[in-house]
Amino acid sequence: LGSGMRGLGIGAITLDWTAIASFLGSPLVSPFFAIMNVFAG
């Protein structure tokens, strides 16, 4: 439940920008409605 790398990531946080921006790209560039669509799915 808690593992951010090999589980569901419940409560997992990061202080590393690479973990924030890797794979999905920078979240600062994505509009909020797109972020909410991704969050819903």
All heavy atoms as atom14 arrays in JSON, in Angstrom:
{
  "sequence": "LGSGMRGLGIGAITLDWTAIASFLGSPLVSPFFAIMNVFAG",
  "atom14_mask": [
    [1, 1, 1, 1, 1, 1, 1, 1, 0, 0, 0, 0, 0, 0],
    [1, 1, 1, 1, 0, 0, 0, 0, 0, 0, 0, 0, 0, 0],
    [1, 1, 1, 1, 1, 1, 0, 0, 0, 0, 0, 0, 0, 0],
    [1, 1, 1, 1, 0, 0, 0, 0, 0, 0, 0, 0, 0, 0],
    [1, 1, 1, 1, 1, 1, 1, 1, 0, 0, 0, 0, 0, 0],
    [1, 1, 1, 1, 1, 1, 1, 1, 1, 1, 1, 0, 0, 0],
    [1, 1, 1, 1, 0, 0, 0, 0, 0, 0, 0, 0, 0, 0],
    [1, 1, 1, 1, 1, 1, 1, 1, 0, 0, 0, 0, 0, 0],
    [1, 1, 1, 1, 0, 0, 0, 0, 0, 0, 0, 0, 0, 0],
    [1, 1, 1, 1, 1, 1, 1, 1, 0, 0, 0, 0, 0, 0],
    [1, 1, 1, 1, 0, 0, 0, 0, 0, 0, 0, 0, 0, 0],
    [1, 1, 1, 1, 1, 0, 0, 0, 0, 0, 0, 0, 0, 0],
    [1, 1, 1, 1, 1, 1, 1, 1, 0, 0, 0, 0, 0, 0],
    [1, 1, 1, 1, 1, 1, 1, 0, 0, 0, 0, 0, 0, 0],
    [1, 1, 1, 1, 1, 1, 1, 1, 0, 0, 0, 0, 0, 0],
    [1, 1, 1, 1, 1, 1, 1, 1, 0, 0, 0, 0, 0, 0],
    [1, 1, 1, 1, 1, 1, 1, 1, 1, 1, 1, 1, 1, 1],
    [1, 1, 1, 1, 1, 1, 1, 0, 0, 0, 0, 0, 0, 0],
    [1, 1, 1, 1, 1, 0, 0, 0, 0, 0, 0, 0, 0, 0],
    [1, 1, 1, 1, 1, 1, 1, 1, 0, 0, 0, 0, 0, 0],
    [1, 1, 1, 1, 1, 0, 0, 0, 0, 0, 0, 0, 0, 0],
    [1, 1, 1, 1, 1, 1, 0, 0, 0, 0, 0, 0, 0, 0],
    [1, 1, 1, 1, 1, 1, 1, 1, 1, 1, 1, 0, 0, 0],
    [1, 1, 1, 1, 1, 1, 1, 1, 0, 0, 0, 0, 0, 0],
    [1, 1, 1, 1, 0, 0, 0, 0, 0, 0, 0, 0, 0, 0],
    [1, 1, 1, 1, 1, 1, 0, 0, 0, 0, 0, 0, 0, 0],
    [1, 1, 1, 1, 1, 1, 1, 0, 0, 0, 0, 0, 0, 0],
    [1, 1, 1, 1, 1, 1, 1, 1, 0, 0, 0, 0, 0, 0],
    [1, 1, 1, 1, 1, 1, 1, 0, 0, 0, 0, 0, 0, 0],
    [1, 1, 1, 1, 1, 1, 0, 0, 0, 0, 0, 0, 0, 0],
    [1, 1, 1, 1, 1, 1, 1, 0, 0, 0, 0, 0, 0, 0],
    [1, 1, 1, 1, 1, 1, 1, 1, 1, 1, 1, 0, 0, 0],
    [1, 1, 1, 1, 1, 1, 1, 1, 1, 1, 1, 0, 0, 0],
    [1, 1, 1, 1, 1, 0, 0, 0, 0, 0, 0, 0, 0, 0],
    [1, 1, 1, 1, 1, 1, 1, 1, 0, 0, 0, 0, 0, 0],
    [1, 1, 1, 1, 1, 1, 1, 1, 0, 0, 0, 0, 0, 0],
    [1, 1, 1, 1, 1, 1, 1, 1, 0, 0, 0, 0, 0, 0],
    [1, 1, 1, 1, 1, 1, 1, 0, 0, 0, 0, 0, 0, 0],
    [1, 1, 1, 1, 1, 1, 1, 1, 1, 1, 1, 0, 0, 0],
    [1, 1, 1, 1, 1, 0, 0, 0, 0, 0, 0, 0, 0, 0],
    [1, 1, 1, 1, 0, 0, 0, 0, 0, 0, 0, 0, 0, 0]
  ],
  "atom14_positions": [
    [[0.81, -1.21, 0.0], [0.0, 0.0, 0.0], [0.85, 1.26, 0.0], [0.54, 2.24, -0.67], [-0.93, 0.02, 1.21], [-2.04, -1.03, 1.26], [-2.73, -1.02, 2.62], [-3.07, -0.75, 0.17], [0.0, 0.0, 0.0], [0.0, 0.0, 0.0], [0.0, 0.0, 0.0], [0.0, 0.0, 0.0], [0.0, 0.0, 0.0], [0.0, 0.0, 0.0]],
    [[1.95, 1.25, 0.74], [2.71, 2.48, 0.98], [3.88, 2.73, 0.08], [4.34, 3.87, -0.03], [0.0, 0.0, 0.0], [0.0, 0.0, 0.0], [0.0, 0.0, 0.0], [0.0, 0.0, 0.0], [0.0, 0.0, 0.0], [0.0, 0.0, 0.0], [0.0, 0.0, 0.0], [0.0, 0.0, 0.0], [0.0, 0.0, 0.0], [0.0, 0.0, 0.0]],
    [[4.41, 1.71, -0.57], [5.6, 1.91, -1.41], [5.28, 2.79, -2.61], [4.34, 2.53, -3.36], [6.13, 0.56, -1.9], [7.18, 0.76, -2.84], [0.0, 0.0, 0.0], [0.0, 0.0, 0.0], [0.0, 0.0, 0.0], [0.0, 0.0, 0.0], [0.0, 0.0, 0.0], [0.0, 0.0, 0.0], [0.0, 0.0, 0.0], [0.0, 0.0, 0.0]],
    [[6.08, 3.83, -2.78], [5.88, 4.7, -3.92], [6.44, 4.15, -5.21], [6.05, 4.56, -6.3], [0.0, 0.0, 0.0], [0.0, 0.0, 0.0], [0.0, 0.0, 0.0], [0.0, 0.0, 0.0], [0.0, 0.0, 0.0], [0.0, 0.0, 0.0], [0.0, 0.0, 0.0], [0.0, 0.0, 0.0], [0.0, 0.0, 0.0], [0.0, 0.0, 0.0]],
    [[7.4, 3.2, -5.1], [8.08, 2.66, -6.27], [7.54, 1.3, -6.69], [7.55, 0.96, -7.88], [9.58, 2.52, -5.98], [10.24, 3.79, -5.47], [10.34, 5.09, -6.69], [11.65, 4.47, -7.72], [0.0, 0.0, 0.0], [0.0, 0.0, 0.0], [0.0, 0.0, 0.0], [0.0, 0.0, 0.0], [0.0, 0.0, 0.0], [0.0, 0.0, 0.0]],
    [[7.06, 0.5, -5.73], [6.61, -0.87, -6.04], [5.25, -1.19, -5.45], [4.87, -2.34, -5.34], [7.65, -1.88, -5.55], [8.92, -1.85, -6.36], [9.98, -2.79, -5.81], [10.6, -2.27, -4.6], [11.67, -2.81, -4.03], [12.21, -3.91, -4.54], [12.2, -2.28, -2.94], [0.0, 0.0, 0.0], [0.0, 0.0, 0.0], [0.0, 0.0, 0.0]],
    [[4.51, -0.16, -5.05], [3.19, -0.37, -4.48], [2.22, 0.69, -4.97], [2.39, 1.26, -6.04], [0.0, 0.0, 0.0], [0.0, 0.0, 0.0], [0.0, 0.0, 0.0], [0.0, 0.0, 0.0], [0.0, 0.0, 0.0], [0.0, 0.0, 0.0], [0.0, 0.0, 0.0], [0.0, 0.0, 0.0], [0.0, 0.0, 0.0], [0.0, 0.0, 0.0]],
    [[1.22, 0.98, -4.14], [0.19, 1.94, -4.51], [0.55, 3.37, -4.14], [-0.18, 4.3, -4.49], [-1.15, 1.56, -3.87], [-1.68, 0.17, -4.19], [-3.08, -0.01, -3.62], [-1.68, -0.1, -5.69], [0.0, 0.0, 0.0], [0.0, 0.0, 0.0], [0.0, 0.0, 0.0], [0.0, 0.0, 0.0], [0.0, 0.0, 0.0], [0.0, 0.0, 0.0]],
    [[1.64, 3.55, -3.39], [2.14, 4.9, -3.11], [1.28, 5.72, -2.18], [1.35, 6.96, -2.2], [0.0, 0.0, 0.0], [0.0, 0.0, 0.0], [0.0, 0.0, 0.0], [0.0, 0.0, 0.0], [0.0, 0.0, 0.0], [0.0, 0.0, 0.0], [0.0, 0.0, 0.0], [0.0, 0.0, 0.0], [0.0, 0.0, 0.0], [0.0, 0.0, 0.0]],
    [[0.48, 5.08, -1.31], [-0.36, 5.83, -0.38], [0.54, 6.53, 0.65], [1.29, 5.89, 1.38], [-1.37, 4.91, 0.32], [-2.34, 4.33, -0.72], [-2.13, 5.65, 1.4], [-3.31, 3.32, -0.16], [0.0, 0.0, 0.0], [0.0, 0.0, 0.0], [0.0, 0.0, 0.0], [0.0, 0.0, 0.0], [0.0, 0.0, 0.0], [0.0, 0.0, 0.0]],
    [[0.47, 7.83, 0.7], [1.27, 8.6, 1.65], [2.7, 8.84, 1.22], [3.44, 9.56, 1.9], [0.0, 0.0, 0.0], [0.0, 0.0, 0.0], [0.0, 0.0, 0.0], [0.0, 0.0, 0.0], [0.0, 0.0, 0.0], [0.0, 0.0, 0.0], [0.0, 0.0, 0.0], [0.0, 0.0, 0.0], [0.0, 0.0, 0.0], [0.0, 0.0, 0.0]],
    [[3.14, 8.29, 0.11], [4.52, 8.45, -0.34], [4.72, 9.86, -0.89], [3.9, 10.37, -1.65], [4.86, 7.42, -1.4], [0.0, 0.0, 0.0], [0.0, 0.0, 0.0], [0.0, 0.0, 0.0], [0.0, 0.0, 0.0], [0.0, 0.0, 0.0], [0.0, 0.0, 0.0], [0.0, 0.0, 0.0], [0.0, 0.0, 0.0], [0.0, 0.0, 0.0]],
    [[5.82, 10.49, -0.51], [6.15, 11.83, -0.99], [7.59, 11.84, -1.5], [8.36, 10.89, -1.27], [5.99, 12.89, 0.12], [6.89, 12.56, 1.32], [4.53, 13.0, 0.55], [6.88, 13.64, 2.39], [0.0, 0.0, 0.0], [0.0, 0.0, 0.0], [0.0, 0.0, 0.0], [0.0, 0.0, 0.0], [0.0, 0.0, 0.0], [0.0, 0.0, 0.0]],
    [[7.96, 12.9, -2.17], [9.31, 13.01, -2.71], [9.82, 14.43, -2.56], [9.04, 15.39, -2.58], [9.35, 12.61, -4.19], [10.7, 12.69, -4.67], [8.47, 13.52, -5.05], [0.0, 0.0, 0.0], [0.0, 0.0, 0.0], [0.0, 0.0, 0.0], [0.0, 0.0, 0.0], [0.0, 0.0, 0.0], [0.0, 0.0, 0.0], [0.0, 0.0, 0.0]],
    [[11.14, 14.55, -2.39], [11.81, 15.85, -2.37], [12.8, 15.94, -3.52], [13.8, 16.65, -3.44], [12.52, 16.06, -1.02], [11.61, 16.07, 0.22], [12.43, 16.21, 1.49], [10.58, 17.18, 0.12], [0.0, 0.0, 0.0], [0.0, 0.0, 0.0], [0.0, 0.0, 0.0], [0.0, 0.0, 0.0], [0.0, 0.0, 0.0], [0.0, 0.0, 0.0]],
    [[12.52, 15.2, -4.57], [13.42, 15.1, -5.72], [12.66, 15.54, -6.97], [11.65, 14.94, -7.34], [13.9, 13.64, -5.85], [14.88, 13.44, -6.99], [15.13, 14.38, -7.75], [15.4, 12.31, -7.1], [0.0, 0.0, 0.0], [0.0, 0.0, 0.0], [0.0, 0.0, 0.0], [0.0, 0.0, 0.0], [0.0, 0.0, 0.0], [0.0, 0.0, 0.0]],
    [[13.15, 16.59, -7.63], [12.47, 17.1, -8.83], [12.41, 16.06, -9.93], [11.46, 16.03, -10.7], [13.16, 18.37, -9.32], [12.6, 18.89, -10.6], [13.2, 18.89, -11.82], [11.31, 19.48, -10.8], [12.37, 19.44, -12.77], [11.2, 19.81, -12.18], [10.23, 19.76, -9.97], [10.07, 20.41, -12.72], [9.1, 20.35, -10.51], [9.02, 20.67, -11.86]],
    [[13.42, 15.18, -10.03], [13.38, 14.17, -11.09], [12.19, 13.24, -10.91], [11.6, 12.77, -11.89], [14.67, 13.35, -11.13], [14.84, 12.63, -9.9], [15.88, 14.22, -11.38], [0.0, 0.0, 0.0], [0.0, 0.0, 0.0], [0.0, 0.0, 0.0], [0.0, 0.0, 0.0], [0.0, 0.0, 0.0], [0.0, 0.0, 0.0], [0.0, 0.0, 0.0]],
    [[11.81, 12.94, -9.66], [10.65, 12.08, -9.43], [9.35, 12.8, -9.79], [8.37, 12.17, -10.18], [10.6, 11.64, -7.96], [0.0, 0.0, 0.0], [0.0, 0.0, 0.0], [0.0, 0.0, 0.0], [0.0, 0.0, 0.0], [0.0, 0.0, 0.0], [0.0, 0.0, 0.0], [0.0, 0.0, 0.0], [0.0, 0.0, 0.0], [0.0, 0.0, 0.0]],
    [[9.36, 14.12, -9.7], [8.16, 14.9, -10.03], [8.0, 15.03, -11.54], [6.91, 14.86, -12.09], [8.24, 16.3, -9.38], [8.27, 16.18, -7.86], [7.07, 17.17, -9.83], [8.58, 17.49, -7.14], [0.0, 0.0, 0.0], [0.0, 0.0, 0.0], [0.0, 0.0, 0.0], [0.0, 0.0, 0.0], [0.0, 0.0, 0.0], [0.0, 0.0, 0.0]],
    [[9.11, 15.31, -12.23], [9.03, 15.67, -13.65], [9.34, 14.52, -14.59], [9.13, 14.65, -15.79], [9.99, 16.83, -13.94], [0.0, 0.0, 0.0], [0.0, 0.0, 0.0], [0.0, 0.0, 0.0], [0.0, 0.0, 0.0], [0.0, 0.0, 0.0], [0.0, 0.0, 0.0], [0.0, 0.0, 0.0], [0.0, 0.0, 0.0], [0.0, 0.0, 0.0]],
    [[9.86, 13.4, -14.07], [10.18, 12.29, -14.97], [8.9, 11.65, -15.5], [7.84, 11.72, -14.88], [11.02, 11.24, -14.23], [10.35, 10.76, -13.09], [0.0, 0.0, 0.0], [0.0, 0.0, 0.0], [0.0, 0.0, 0.0], [0.0, 0.0, 0.0], [0.0, 0.0, 0.0], [0.0, 0.0, 0.0], [0.0, 0.0, 0.0], [0.0, 0.0, 0.0]],
    [[9.01, 11.03, -16.67], [7.93, 10.29, -17.33], [6.81, 11.21, -17.85], [6.52, 11.22, -19.04], [7.34, 9.22, -16.42], [8.35, 8.22, -15.94], [8.74, 8.17, -14.61], [8.95, 7.33, -16.83], [9.68, 7.26, -14.18], [9.89, 6.42, -16.4], [10.25, 6.38, -15.07], [0.0, 0.0, 0.0], [0.0, 0.0, 0.0], [0.0, 0.0, 0.0]],
    [[6.17, 11.98, -16.97], [5.04, 12.8, -17.38], [5.45, 14.2, -17.8], [4.61, 14.98, -18.25], [4.02, 12.9, -16.24], [3.31, 11.59, -15.87], [2.58, 11.74, -14.55], [2.35, 11.18, -16.96], [0.0, 0.0, 0.0], [0.0, 0.0, 0.0], [0.0, 0.0, 0.0], [0.0, 0.0, 0.0], [0.0, 0.0, 0.0], [0.0, 0.0, 0.0]],
    [[6.72, 14.55, -17.64], [7.16, 15.89, -17.95], [6.86, 16.84, -16.81], [6.27, 16.48, -15.78], [0.0, 0.0, 0.0], [0.0, 0.0, 0.0], [0.0, 0.0, 0.0], [0.0, 0.0, 0.0], [0.0, 0.0, 0.0], [0.0, 0.0, 0.0], [0.0, 0.0, 0.0], [0.0, 0.0, 0.0], [0.0, 0.0, 0.0], [0.0, 0.0, 0.0]],
    [[7.25, 18.08, -16.96], [7.05, 19.06, -15.9], [5.57, 19.33, -15.67], [4.84, 19.66, -16.62], [7.76, 20.37, -16.25], [7.41, 21.38, -15.31], [0.0, 0.0, 0.0], [0.0, 0.0, 0.0], [0.0, 0.0, 0.0], [0.0, 0.0, 0.0], [0.0, 0.0, 0.0], [0.0, 0.0, 0.0], [0.0, 0.0, 0.0], [0.0, 0.0, 0.0]],
    [[5.09, 19.23, -14.43], [3.68, 19.52, -14.15], [3.36, 21.0, -14.3], [2.19, 21.37, -14.4], [3.5, 19.05, -12.71], [4.87, 19.15, -12.11], [5.82, 18.81, -13.21], [0.0, 0.0, 0.0], [0.0, 0.0, 0.0], [0.0, 0.0, 0.0], [0.0, 0.0, 0.0], [0.0, 0.0, 0.0], [0.0, 0.0, 0.0], [0.0, 0.0, 0.0]],
    [[4.38, 21.86, -14.31], [4.14, 23.29, -14.45], [3.67, 23.65, -15.86], [3.11, 24.72, -16.08], [5.41, 24.08, -14.12], [5.68, 24.37, -12.64], [5.97, 23.09, -11.88], [6.82, 25.36, -12.48], [0.0, 0.0, 0.0], [0.0, 0.0, 0.0], [0.0, 0.0, 0.0], [0.0, 0.0, 0.0], [0.0, 0.0, 0.0], [0.0, 0.0, 0.0]],
    [[3.92, 22.75, -16.81], [3.58, 23.04, -18.2], [2.19, 22.54, -18.56], [1.57, 23.0, -19.52], [4.65, 22.41, -19.13], [4.31, 22.64, -20.6], [6.03, 22.99, -18.81], [0.0, 0.0, 0.0], [0.0, 0.0, 0.0], [0.0, 0.0, 0.0], [0.0, 0.0, 0.0], [0.0, 0.0, 0.0], [0.0, 0.0, 0.0], [0.0, 0.0, 0.0]],
    [[1.66, 21.59, -17.78], [0.35, 21.0, -18.09], [-0.78, 21.82, -17.5], [-0.73, 22.19, -16.33], [0.27, 19.57, -17.54], [1.25, 18.75, -18.13], [0.0, 0.0, 0.0], [0.0, 0.0, 0.0], [0.0, 0.0, 0.0], [0.0, 0.0, 0.0], [0.0, 0.0, 0.0], [0.0, 0.0, 0.0], [0.0, 0.0, 0.0], [0.0, 0.0, 0.0]],
    [[-1.82, 22.13, -18.27], [-2.95, 22.89, -17.73], [-3.7, 22.1, -16.67], [-3.68, 20.86, -16.66], [-3.82, 23.15, -18.96], [-3.43, 22.1, -19.94], [-2.0, 21.79, -19.69], [0.0, 0.0, 0.0], [0.0, 0.0, 0.0], [0.0, 0.0, 0.0], [0.0, 0.0, 0.0], [0.0, 0.0, 0.0], [0.0, 0.0, 0.0], [0.0, 0.0, 0.0]],
    [[-4.38, 22.81, -15.78], [-5.0, 22.17, -14.63], [-6.07, 21.17, -15.03], [-6.21, 20.11, -14.41], [-5.58, 23.23, -13.7], [-6.24, 22.67, -12.48], [-5.52, 21.91, -11.56], [-7.59, 22.87, -12.24], [-6.13, 21.38, -10.43], [-8.2, 22.34, -11.12], [-7.47, 21.59, -10.21], [0.0, 0.0, 0.0], [0.0, 0.0, 0.0], [0.0, 0.0, 0.0]],
    [[-6.88, 21.48, -16.08], [-7.93, 20.54, -16.45], [-7.34, 19.22, -16.94], [-7.9, 18.15, -16.72], [-8.85, 21.15, -17.51], [-8.28, 21.21, -18.89], [-8.4, 20.14, -19.77], [-7.62, 22.34, -19.33], [-7.88, 20.2, -21.04], [-7.1, 22.41, -20.61], [-7.22, 21.34, -21.47], [0.0, 0.0, 0.0], [0.0, 0.0, 0.0], [0.0, 0.0, 0.0]],
    [[-6.16, 19.28, -17.57], [-5.49, 18.06, -18.0], [-5.0, 17.27, -16.8], [-5.09, 16.04, -16.76], [-4.33, 18.39, -18.94], [0.0, 0.0, 0.0], [0.0, 0.0, 0.0], [0.0, 0.0, 0.0], [0.0, 0.0, 0.0], [0.0, 0.0, 0.0], [0.0, 0.0, 0.0], [0.0, 0.0, 0.0], [0.0, 0.0, 0.0], [0.0, 0.0, 0.0]],
    [[-4.49, 17.98, -15.81], [-4.02, 17.32, -14.58], [-5.19, 16.62, -13.89], [-5.05, 15.48, -13.41], [-3.37, 18.36, -13.64], [-2.07, 18.88, -14.26], [-3.09, 17.74, -12.26], [-1.46, 20.05, -13.51], [0.0, 0.0, 0.0], [0.0, 0.0, 0.0], [0.0, 0.0, 0.0], [0.0, 0.0, 0.0], [0.0, 0.0, 0.0], [0.0, 0.0, 0.0]],
    [[-6.35, 17.26, -13.85], [-7.51, 16.65, -13.2], [-8.02, 15.44, -13.98], [-8.47, 14.46, -13.39], [-8.62, 17.69, -13.04], [-8.35, 18.71, -11.96], [-8.23, 17.97, -10.28], [-6.45, 17.78, -10.09], [0.0, 0.0, 0.0], [0.0, 0.0, 0.0], [0.0, 0.0, 0.0], [0.0, 0.0, 0.0], [0.0, 0.0, 0.0], [0.0, 0.0, 0.0]],
    [[-7.95, 15.5, -15.31], [-8.33, 14.33, -16.11], [-7.42, 13.15, -15.82], [-7.86, 12.01, -15.67], [-8.28, 14.68, -17.6], [-9.59, 15.25, -18.11], [-10.65, 14.75, -17.8], [-9.52, 16.3, -18.89], [0.0, 0.0, 0.0], [0.0, 0.0, 0.0], [0.0, 0.0, 0.0], [0.0, 0.0, 0.0], [0.0, 0.0, 0.0], [0.0, 0.0, 0.0]],
    [[-6.12, 13.43, -15.75], [-5.16, 12.37, -15.43], [-5.42, 11.84, -14.03], [-5.39, 10.62, -13.79], [-3.71, 12.9, -15.56], [-2.71, 11.88, -15.0], [-3.38, 13.2, -17.02], [0.0, 0.0, 0.0], [0.0, 0.0, 0.0], [0.0, 0.0, 0.0], [0.0, 0.0, 0.0], [0.0, 0.0, 0.0], [0.0, 0.0, 0.0], [0.0, 0.0, 0.0]],
    [[-5.67, 12.74, -13.08], [-5.92, 12.32, -11.7], [-7.15, 11.42, -11.62], [-7.14, 10.4, -10.92], [-6.11, 13.54, -10.8], [-6.57, 13.2, -9.41], [-5.74, 12.5, -8.55], [-7.83, 13.56, -8.98], [-6.18, 12.17, -7.27], [-8.27, 13.23, -7.71], [-7.43, 12.54, -6.84], [0.0, 0.0, 0.0], [0.0, 0.0, 0.0], [0.0, 0.0, 0.0]],
    [[-8.21, 11.76, -12.34], [-9.44, 10.96, -12.3], [-9.17, 9.54, -12.81], [-9.57, 8.56, -12.18], [-10.53, 11.63, -13.12], [0.0, 0.0, 0.0], [0.0, 0.0, 0.0], [0.0, 0.0, 0.0], [0.0, 0.0, 0.0], [0.0, 0.0, 0.0], [0.0, 0.0, 0.0], [0.0, 0.0, 0.0], [0.0, 0.0, 0.0], [0.0, 0.0, 0.0]],
    [[-8.5, 9.44, -13.95], [-8.2, 8.12, -14.49], [-7.22, 7.35, -13.64], [-7.37, 6.14, -13.42], [0.0, 0.0, 0.0], [0.0, 0.0, 0.0], [0.0, 0.0, 0.0], [0.0, 0.0, 0.0], [0.0, 0.0, 0.0], [0.0, 0.0, 0.0], [0.0, 0.0, 0.0], [0.0, 0.0, 0.0], [0.0, 0.0, 0.0], [0.0, 0.0, 0.0]]
  ]
}
